Protein backbone atom coordinates (compact mmCIF):
# COMPACT_ATOMS: atom_id res chain seq x y z
CA UNK A 1 97.99 82.77 79.56
CA UNK A 2 98.10 81.05 82.95
CA UNK A 3 101.57 80.18 84.22
CA UNK A 4 101.99 77.02 86.28
CA UNK A 5 105.03 75.61 88.10
CA UNK A 6 105.47 71.96 89.15
CA UNK A 7 108.48 70.71 91.12
CA UNK A 8 110.02 67.24 91.45
CA UNK A 9 112.61 66.17 94.00
CA UNK A 10 115.51 64.07 92.68
CA UNK A 11 115.45 61.75 95.69
CA UNK A 12 114.39 58.12 95.45
CA UNK A 13 112.58 56.76 92.42
CA UNK A 14 109.49 58.34 90.89
CA UNK A 15 106.49 56.10 91.46
CA UNK A 16 102.90 55.55 90.39
CA UNK A 17 101.59 58.15 92.84
CA UNK A 18 103.92 60.78 91.33
CA UNK A 19 102.75 59.85 87.85
CA UNK A 20 99.02 60.05 88.58
CA UNK A 21 99.15 62.98 90.98
CA UNK A 22 101.74 65.28 89.38
CA UNK A 23 103.21 64.11 86.07
CA UNK A 24 100.00 63.24 84.23
CA UNK A 25 98.27 66.55 85.13
CA UNK A 26 101.42 68.30 83.92
CA UNK A 27 101.28 66.46 80.59
CA UNK A 28 97.54 67.10 80.20
CA UNK A 29 98.14 70.78 80.93
CA UNK A 30 100.35 71.02 77.87
CA UNK A 31 97.21 70.81 75.74
CA UNK A 32 95.66 73.84 77.41
CA UNK A 33 96.40 77.56 77.46
CA UNK A 34 98.90 77.06 80.27
CA UNK A 35 102.56 78.03 80.29
CA UNK A 36 104.20 75.32 82.36
CA UNK A 37 107.60 74.96 83.98
CA UNK A 38 108.68 71.54 85.26
CA UNK A 39 111.49 72.02 87.76
CA UNK A 40 113.79 69.43 89.30
CA UNK A 41 114.53 70.86 92.74
CA UNK A 42 118.01 69.47 93.26
CA UNK A 43 118.94 72.13 95.83
CA UNK A 44 116.18 70.82 98.10
CA UNK A 45 117.81 67.39 98.06
CA UNK A 46 120.80 68.89 99.89
CA UNK A 47 118.88 69.45 103.12
CA UNK A 48 120.00 65.94 104.12
CA UNK A 49 123.12 63.83 103.76
CA UNK A 50 123.64 62.93 100.12
CA UNK A 51 126.18 61.51 97.73
CA UNK A 52 127.14 64.08 95.05
CA UNK A 53 127.35 61.50 92.25
CA UNK A 54 123.97 60.08 93.21
CA UNK A 55 122.37 63.54 93.27
CA UNK A 56 123.70 64.32 89.81
CA UNK A 57 122.54 60.96 88.46
CA UNK A 58 119.10 61.26 90.08
CA UNK A 59 118.59 64.74 88.64
CA UNK A 60 119.22 63.44 85.13
CA UNK A 61 117.10 60.34 85.84
CA UNK A 62 114.08 62.43 86.89
CA UNK A 63 114.47 64.56 83.77
CA UNK A 64 114.63 61.42 81.64
CA UNK A 65 111.52 59.95 83.27
CA UNK A 66 109.55 63.17 82.83
CA UNK A 67 110.37 63.18 79.13
CA UNK A 68 109.52 59.48 78.85
CA UNK A 69 106.18 60.11 80.56
CA UNK A 70 105.16 62.70 77.98
CA UNK A 71 106.59 66.04 79.05
CA UNK A 72 107.18 67.89 75.77
CA UNK A 73 110.17 70.24 76.05
CA UNK A 74 108.76 72.34 73.19
CA UNK A 75 105.70 73.16 75.30
CA UNK A 76 107.04 72.74 78.84
CA UNK A 77 110.30 74.24 80.03
CA UNK A 78 112.18 71.48 81.87
CA UNK A 79 114.80 72.91 84.21
CA UNK A 80 117.18 71.98 87.00
CA UNK A 81 116.83 74.46 89.84
CA UNK A 82 120.55 74.71 90.64
CA UNK A 83 121.46 75.73 87.09
CA UNK A 84 119.62 79.04 87.53
CA UNK A 85 121.45 81.12 90.17
CA UNK A 86 118.55 83.54 90.64
CA UNK A 87 116.86 80.88 92.80
CA UNK A 88 119.46 81.29 95.52
CA UNK A 89 119.64 85.07 95.18
CA UNK A 90 115.90 85.49 95.60
CA UNK A 91 116.04 82.96 98.44
CA UNK A 92 118.23 85.32 100.45
CA UNK A 93 116.14 88.38 99.59
CA UNK A 94 113.03 86.57 100.85
CA UNK A 95 114.86 85.45 104.01
CA UNK A 96 115.13 89.15 104.79
CA UNK A 97 111.33 89.23 104.76
CA UNK A 98 110.62 85.95 106.55
CA UNK A 99 110.67 85.36 110.30
CA UNK A 100 112.46 82.53 112.11
CA UNK A 101 109.23 81.34 113.70
CA UNK A 102 107.53 80.97 110.34
CA UNK A 103 110.24 78.67 109.04
CA UNK A 104 110.56 76.73 112.31
CA UNK A 105 106.84 75.87 112.23
CA UNK A 106 107.20 73.89 109.00
CA UNK A 107 106.40 70.25 109.68
CA UNK A 108 109.57 68.68 108.23
CA UNK A 109 111.82 70.85 110.40
CA UNK A 110 109.71 70.21 113.50
CA UNK A 111 109.66 66.45 113.00
CA UNK A 112 113.37 66.06 112.29
CA UNK A 113 114.36 68.41 115.08
CA UNK A 114 112.23 66.44 117.52
CA UNK A 115 113.85 63.19 116.38
CA UNK A 116 117.24 64.38 117.67
CA UNK A 117 120.61 64.36 115.94
CA UNK A 118 122.11 67.06 113.73
CA UNK A 119 119.72 69.07 111.57
CA UNK A 120 121.08 71.13 108.71
CA UNK A 121 120.34 74.85 108.64
CA UNK A 122 119.12 74.37 105.06
CA UNK A 123 116.24 72.25 106.38
CA UNK A 124 115.05 75.28 108.34
CA UNK A 125 115.35 77.69 105.42
CA UNK A 126 114.34 75.49 102.48
CA UNK A 127 110.63 76.52 102.67
CA UNK A 128 111.82 80.05 101.90
CA UNK A 129 113.81 78.65 98.96
CA UNK A 130 110.61 76.93 97.85
CA UNK A 131 108.86 80.29 97.99
CA UNK A 132 111.64 81.76 95.85
CA UNK A 133 111.21 78.92 93.35
CA UNK A 134 107.55 79.80 92.90
CA UNK A 135 107.76 83.59 92.98
CA UNK A 136 110.75 83.74 90.64
CA UNK A 137 108.65 82.88 87.59
CA UNK A 138 105.45 84.80 88.41
CA UNK A 139 103.65 81.47 88.71
CA UNK A 140 99.91 81.95 89.12
CA UNK A 141 99.13 78.30 89.85
CA UNK A 142 101.04 75.69 91.84
CA UNK A 143 99.79 72.09 92.02
CA UNK A 144 99.83 71.06 95.68
CA UNK A 145 99.01 68.01 97.74
CA UNK A 146 97.91 68.02 101.37
CA UNK A 147 101.53 67.86 102.54
CA UNK A 148 102.47 71.03 100.62
CA UNK A 149 99.68 73.35 101.77
CA UNK A 150 101.82 74.75 104.57
CA UNK A 151 104.63 75.67 102.18
CA UNK A 152 102.32 77.35 99.70
CA UNK A 153 100.73 79.39 102.47
CA UNK A 154 104.18 80.59 103.54
CA UNK A 155 104.90 81.55 99.92
CA UNK A 156 101.70 83.57 99.74
CA UNK A 157 102.41 85.19 103.11
CA UNK A 158 105.90 86.28 102.06
CA UNK A 159 104.70 87.61 98.71
CA UNK A 160 101.91 89.64 100.28
CA UNK A 161 104.21 90.98 103.03
CA UNK A 162 106.92 91.95 100.53
CA UNK A 163 104.40 93.67 98.26
CA UNK A 164 102.91 95.58 101.20
CA UNK A 165 106.30 96.75 102.51
CA UNK A 166 108.18 97.49 99.30
CA UNK A 167 105.59 97.84 96.53
CA UNK A 168 103.96 95.40 94.14
CA UNK A 169 106.73 93.00 93.14
CA UNK A 170 105.47 89.42 93.18
CA UNK A 171 102.51 87.58 91.73
CA UNK A 172 100.67 85.88 94.62
CA UNK A 173 100.14 82.23 93.56
CA UNK A 174 97.12 80.03 94.06
CA UNK A 175 97.25 76.34 94.91
CA UNK A 176 95.49 73.95 92.53
CA UNK A 177 94.70 70.26 92.82
CA UNK A 178 94.52 67.68 90.04
CA UNK A 179 91.01 67.48 88.62
CA UNK A 180 90.63 63.74 89.07
CA UNK A 181 93.69 62.01 90.47
CA UNK A 182 92.93 60.15 93.66
CA UNK A 183 95.34 60.06 96.56
CA UNK A 184 97.38 56.93 95.83
CA UNK A 185 98.25 55.06 98.98
CA UNK A 186 101.06 52.69 99.96
CA UNK A 187 100.30 49.10 98.93
CA UNK A 188 101.79 47.70 102.14
CA UNK A 189 100.36 50.36 104.48
CA UNK A 190 97.26 51.73 102.73
CA UNK A 191 96.54 54.31 105.40
CA UNK A 192 99.51 56.41 104.29
CA UNK A 193 100.38 57.98 100.95
CA UNK A 194 102.66 56.18 98.49
CA UNK A 195 106.01 57.87 99.01
CA UNK A 196 109.62 57.83 97.87
CA UNK A 197 110.81 58.34 101.44
CA UNK A 198 109.54 55.07 102.94
CA UNK A 199 112.21 52.49 103.63
CA UNK A 200 110.58 49.50 101.93
CA UNK A 201 109.95 49.02 98.21
CA UNK A 202 106.91 46.75 98.61
CA UNK A 203 104.44 49.59 99.06
CA UNK A 204 105.27 51.64 95.98
CA UNK A 205 105.32 50.89 92.27
CA UNK A 206 108.27 52.51 90.54
CA UNK A 207 107.77 53.90 87.04
CA UNK A 208 110.48 51.56 85.76
CA UNK A 209 109.35 48.44 87.63
CA UNK A 210 109.23 45.48 85.21
CA UNK A 211 105.94 43.56 84.78
CA UNK A 212 106.90 40.76 87.15
CA UNK A 213 107.76 43.20 89.93
CA UNK A 214 104.46 45.02 89.42
CA UNK A 215 102.60 41.71 89.61
CA UNK A 216 104.33 40.69 92.84
CA UNK A 217 103.75 44.03 94.56
CA UNK A 218 100.07 44.18 93.67
CA UNK A 219 99.47 40.51 94.47
CA UNK A 220 100.93 41.12 97.94
CA UNK A 221 99.07 44.41 98.50
CA UNK A 222 97.45 44.55 101.93
CA UNK A 223 93.68 44.00 101.84
CA UNK A 224 91.38 42.78 104.65
CA UNK A 225 89.18 39.87 105.73
CA UNK A 226 85.82 41.34 104.65
CA UNK A 227 85.95 39.47 101.35
CA UNK A 228 83.82 42.09 99.56
CA UNK A 229 85.19 44.43 96.90
CA UNK A 230 83.82 47.89 97.65
CA UNK A 231 85.08 51.44 97.99
CA UNK A 232 85.22 52.06 101.74
CA UNK A 233 88.42 53.95 102.65
CA UNK A 234 87.67 53.89 106.36
CA UNK A 235 87.05 50.16 106.76
CA UNK A 236 88.75 48.77 103.62
CA UNK A 237 91.63 51.14 102.82
CA UNK A 238 93.62 48.54 100.87
CA UNK A 239 90.78 47.54 98.55
CA UNK A 240 89.72 51.18 98.16
CA UNK A 241 93.26 52.06 97.13
CA UNK A 242 93.33 49.30 94.50
CA UNK A 243 90.00 50.49 93.12
CA UNK A 244 91.33 54.06 92.96
CA UNK A 245 94.47 52.93 91.13
CA UNK A 246 92.40 50.95 88.64
CA UNK A 247 90.08 53.89 87.98
CA UNK A 248 92.98 56.30 87.49
CA UNK A 249 94.91 53.96 85.19
CA UNK A 250 91.95 53.10 82.96
CA UNK A 251 89.92 56.29 83.16
CA UNK A 252 86.85 54.16 83.86
CA UNK A 253 84.81 53.30 86.91
CA UNK A 254 85.69 49.77 88.08
CA UNK A 255 83.08 47.08 87.63
CA UNK A 256 81.90 44.51 90.14
CA UNK A 257 84.47 41.94 91.31
CA UNK A 258 83.72 38.54 92.85
CA UNK A 259 86.95 38.44 94.86
CA UNK A 260 90.18 40.25 95.65
CA UNK A 261 92.24 38.12 93.27
CA UNK A 262 90.24 39.19 90.23
CA UNK A 263 90.60 42.84 91.23
CA UNK A 264 94.35 42.51 91.70
CA UNK A 265 94.73 40.89 88.26
CA UNK A 266 92.95 43.79 86.58
CA UNK A 267 94.93 46.35 88.57
CA UNK A 268 98.17 44.61 87.54
CA UNK A 269 97.22 44.70 83.86
CA UNK A 270 96.13 48.33 84.02
CA UNK A 271 99.26 49.52 85.81
CA UNK A 272 101.57 47.62 83.47
CA UNK A 273 99.74 48.98 80.40
CA UNK A 274 100.21 52.51 81.76
CA UNK A 275 103.89 52.07 82.58
CA UNK A 276 105.03 50.06 79.55
CA UNK A 277 105.35 53.13 77.24
CA UNK A 278 107.28 54.97 79.95
CA UNK A 279 109.75 52.08 80.32
CA UNK A 280 110.18 52.00 76.54
CA UNK A 281 110.65 55.77 76.27
CA UNK A 282 113.12 55.77 79.16
CA UNK A 283 115.19 53.03 77.51
CA UNK A 284 115.34 55.00 74.25
CA UNK A 285 116.27 58.27 75.96
CA UNK A 286 118.94 56.53 78.05
CA UNK A 287 120.78 55.64 74.86
CA UNK A 288 121.40 59.35 74.27
CA UNK A 289 122.08 60.99 77.67
CA UNK A 290 123.40 64.09 75.95
CA UNK A 291 119.89 64.86 74.71
CA UNK A 292 118.54 65.17 78.26
CA UNK A 293 121.29 67.62 79.16
CA UNK A 294 120.44 69.63 76.02
CA UNK A 295 116.78 69.78 77.06
CA UNK A 296 117.76 71.13 80.50
CA UNK A 297 120.07 73.70 78.89
CA UNK A 298 117.29 74.84 76.56
CA UNK A 299 114.88 75.08 79.47
CA UNK A 300 117.33 77.24 81.37
CA UNK A 301 117.76 79.56 78.38
CA UNK A 302 113.98 79.88 78.02
CA UNK A 303 113.11 80.74 81.64
CA UNK A 304 116.15 82.66 82.86
CA UNK A 305 115.09 86.05 81.43
CA UNK A 306 111.94 85.89 83.59
CA UNK A 307 114.01 84.92 86.63
CA UNK A 308 116.41 87.81 86.06
CA UNK A 309 113.52 90.27 85.68
CA UNK A 310 111.97 89.15 88.98
CA UNK A 311 115.24 89.45 90.87
CA UNK A 312 115.84 92.91 89.42
CA UNK A 313 112.37 94.01 90.59
CA UNK A 314 113.00 92.62 94.06
CA UNK A 315 116.44 94.22 94.33
CA UNK A 316 115.11 97.60 93.22
CA UNK A 317 112.18 97.37 95.64
CA UNK A 318 114.58 96.63 98.51
CA UNK A 319 116.83 99.56 97.68
CA UNK A 320 119.83 97.63 96.38
CA UNK A 321 122.09 99.17 93.73
CA UNK A 322 121.88 97.98 90.14
């Protein structure tokens, strides 16, 4: 059985791009011969200034949204990274294999270092923690977007180097991409990906946005002056993005539209129809917050034996005492 690991950061609010690009493939994968772990990477959120209460609340909120979106805890282990201490132990063991230059080349560290101001040491080393996250569970497949290729390559490099130096210890993972999900772009700036990290809310559709908010955001989505509805990402990125969203939400190829307004109305209806069950499920789950904590505890119990076994193999390979 193939083992797959998908991670979600508890920063900002999960949005439509997260749903179509990561959550829906995760849910679909539950129907296949795939052993899946959905991990909330709360330790990664500490590479920047954060409020402890907000981090705790966001971790539970992401777990709640994943369940509301169809993640089945009976088929998918849902875990919080920080609740499994083997993540940090393997992180250090892999740091003893990684080089400073490899970590310093990662794009987030380079960009934030160049911007000036204090940069936390954890920002430099978190790609190695990400490698530990993946290697800890013998994951064979890791869904990745374009912005994660660099991190996956570092993971593969560290696994291969460790295996060559100390003996076969880690499964070397492969990156996989969703079979159909298009790259969902920002509604306000359609040349960049929809993201939780952008300052404004206008460009992203949150999974809990009410119908009126969805309507306003889509009605104000940036288009162009061509006046023709066609898929042309280079010359009409805004319209192309709306067409991609419509196709992904409905599972059908969009028809012919006489104007931008008609397209936006259909996109609004399709997005709201997709998100309405998630809003309903979230509201129901929020009435029993103890259940979400129970799901995380059960996920931890399910995956920790594999994490312990991996760390034991790594320790033995490195020559550490039992």
